[in-house]
Amino acid sequence: MSNETNKGEGIAQQIGGKIKQTVGKVVGNEQLEAEGKAKDLEGKAREEAAKAAERAKGKTEETVGAIKNRVGAVIDNEQMQAEGKAKELKGEARQAANK
């Protein structure tokens, strides 16, 4: 399962949990309220795990891109340098999108 799928499912779990928690509170059912809170927290954990995996993937892309960029500069290969910079920027963007 992809990180984006896990992230989306985590958000959906949070919404379902909040609904269940609210219904439990409205009808005075502490068990239902607690189950909703647990589902909300499980969803948050799932979303955060997916975001952490994406940040790690982004850091790897950034590092590999930076190395390729530097090597391209050293050997005077502009294409390699540009490809490295593009990968580096892609990794930075992936990290920023998953804070």
Protein backbone atom coordinates (compact mmCIF):
# COMPACT_ATOMS: atom_id res chain seq x y z
CA MET A 1 0.00 0.00 0.00
CA SER A 2 1.40 3.41 -0.91
CA ASN A 3 2.12 6.12 1.59
CA GLU A 4 -0.49 8.35 -0.04
CA THR A 5 -3.10 5.60 0.41
CA ASN A 6 -2.10 5.15 4.05
CA LYS A 7 -2.22 8.89 4.58
CA GLY A 8 -5.72 9.09 3.08
CA GLU A 9 -6.97 6.14 5.09
CA GLY A 10 -5.54 7.68 8.23
CA ILE A 11 -7.45 10.90 7.57
CA ALA A 12 -10.62 8.90 6.91
CA GLN A 13 -10.15 7.02 10.20
CA GLN A 14 -9.76 10.32 12.02
CA ILE A 15 -13.01 11.64 10.55
CA GLY A 16 -14.86 8.43 11.39
CA GLY A 17 -13.43 8.50 14.88
CA LYS A 18 -14.47 12.10 15.47
CA ILE A 19 -17.99 11.33 14.27
CA LYS A 20 -18.22 8.28 16.53
CA GLN A 21 -16.79 10.25 19.44
CA THR A 22 -19.32 13.06 18.92
CA VAL A 23 -22.25 10.66 18.65
CA GLY A 24 -21.12 8.94 21.84
CA LYS A 25 -20.91 12.27 23.62
CA VAL A 26 -24.36 13.37 22.36
CA VAL A 27 -26.12 10.16 23.36
CA GLY A 28 -24.18 9.83 26.62
CA ASN A 29 -22.45 6.59 25.64
CA GLU A 30 -18.94 6.71 27.11
CA GLN A 31 -17.93 3.45 25.44
CA LEU A 32 -18.84 4.79 21.98
CA GLU A 33 -17.07 8.05 22.76
CA ALA A 34 -13.91 6.19 23.83
CA GLU A 35 -14.00 3.98 20.73
CA GLY A 36 -14.26 7.11 18.59
CA LYS A 37 -11.31 8.71 20.34
CA ALA A 38 -9.26 5.52 19.84
CA LYS A 39 -10.14 5.41 16.14
CA ASP A 40 -9.21 9.10 15.78
CA LEU A 41 -5.82 8.50 17.43
CA GLU A 42 -5.20 5.40 15.30
CA GLY A 43 -5.92 7.46 12.20
CA LYS A 44 -3.54 10.21 13.31
CA ALA A 45 -0.80 7.64 13.91
CA ARG A 46 -1.35 6.09 10.48
CA GLU A 47 -1.26 9.48 8.77
CA GLU A 48 1.90 10.52 10.63
CA ALA A 49 3.64 7.24 9.79
CA ALA A 50 2.87 7.76 6.09
CA LYS A 51 4.10 11.34 6.25
CA ALA A 52 7.32 10.24 7.98
CA ALA A 53 7.94 7.64 5.27
CA GLU A 54 7.44 10.29 2.58
CA ARG A 55 9.83 12.68 4.38
CA ALA A 56 12.45 9.91 4.49
CA LYS A 57 11.94 9.23 0.80
CA GLY A 58 12.28 12.96 0.12
CA LYS A 59 15.50 13.19 2.14
CA THR A 60 16.95 10.31 0.14
CA GLU A 61 15.99 12.00 -3.14
CA GLU A 62 17.47 15.27 -1.93
CA THR A 63 20.75 13.62 -0.91
CA VAL A 64 21.11 11.58 -4.11
CA GLY A 65 20.28 14.67 -6.16
CA ALA A 66 22.80 16.79 -4.31
CA ILE A 67 25.52 14.20 -4.89
CA LYS A 68 24.67 13.92 -8.58
CA ASN A 69 24.63 17.72 -8.83
CA ARG A 70 28.10 18.00 -7.20
CA VAL A 71 29.59 15.19 -9.30
CA GLY A 72 28.19 16.83 -12.43
CA ALA A 73 29.83 20.10 -11.41
CA VAL A 74 33.18 18.43 -10.74
CA ILE A 75 33.28 16.57 -14.05
CA ASP A 76 31.79 19.56 -15.90
CA ASN A 77 28.67 17.67 -17.02
CA GLU A 78 25.85 20.23 -17.12
CA GLN A 79 23.14 17.65 -17.85
CA MET A 80 24.12 15.55 -14.85
CA GLN A 81 24.29 18.68 -12.74
CA ALA A 82 20.79 19.78 -13.85
CA GLU A 83 19.32 16.31 -13.28
CA GLY A 84 20.85 16.25 -9.81
CA LYS A 85 19.48 19.68 -8.95
CA ALA A 86 16.02 18.65 -10.18
CA LYS A 87 16.06 15.52 -8.01
CA GLU A 88 17.34 17.54 -5.07
CA LEU A 89 14.47 20.03 -5.42
CA LYS A 90 11.94 17.22 -5.82
CA GLY A 91 13.16 15.70 -2.56
CA GLU A 92 12.93 19.03 -0.76
CA ALA A 93 9.39 19.52 -2.05
CA ARG A 94 8.35 16.01 -0.93
CA GLN A 95 9.66 16.73 2.55
CA ALA A 96 7.90 20.10 2.75
CA ALA A 97 4.61 18.58 1.59
CA ASN A 98 4.70 16.01 4.42
CA LYS A 99 5.51 18.09 7.49
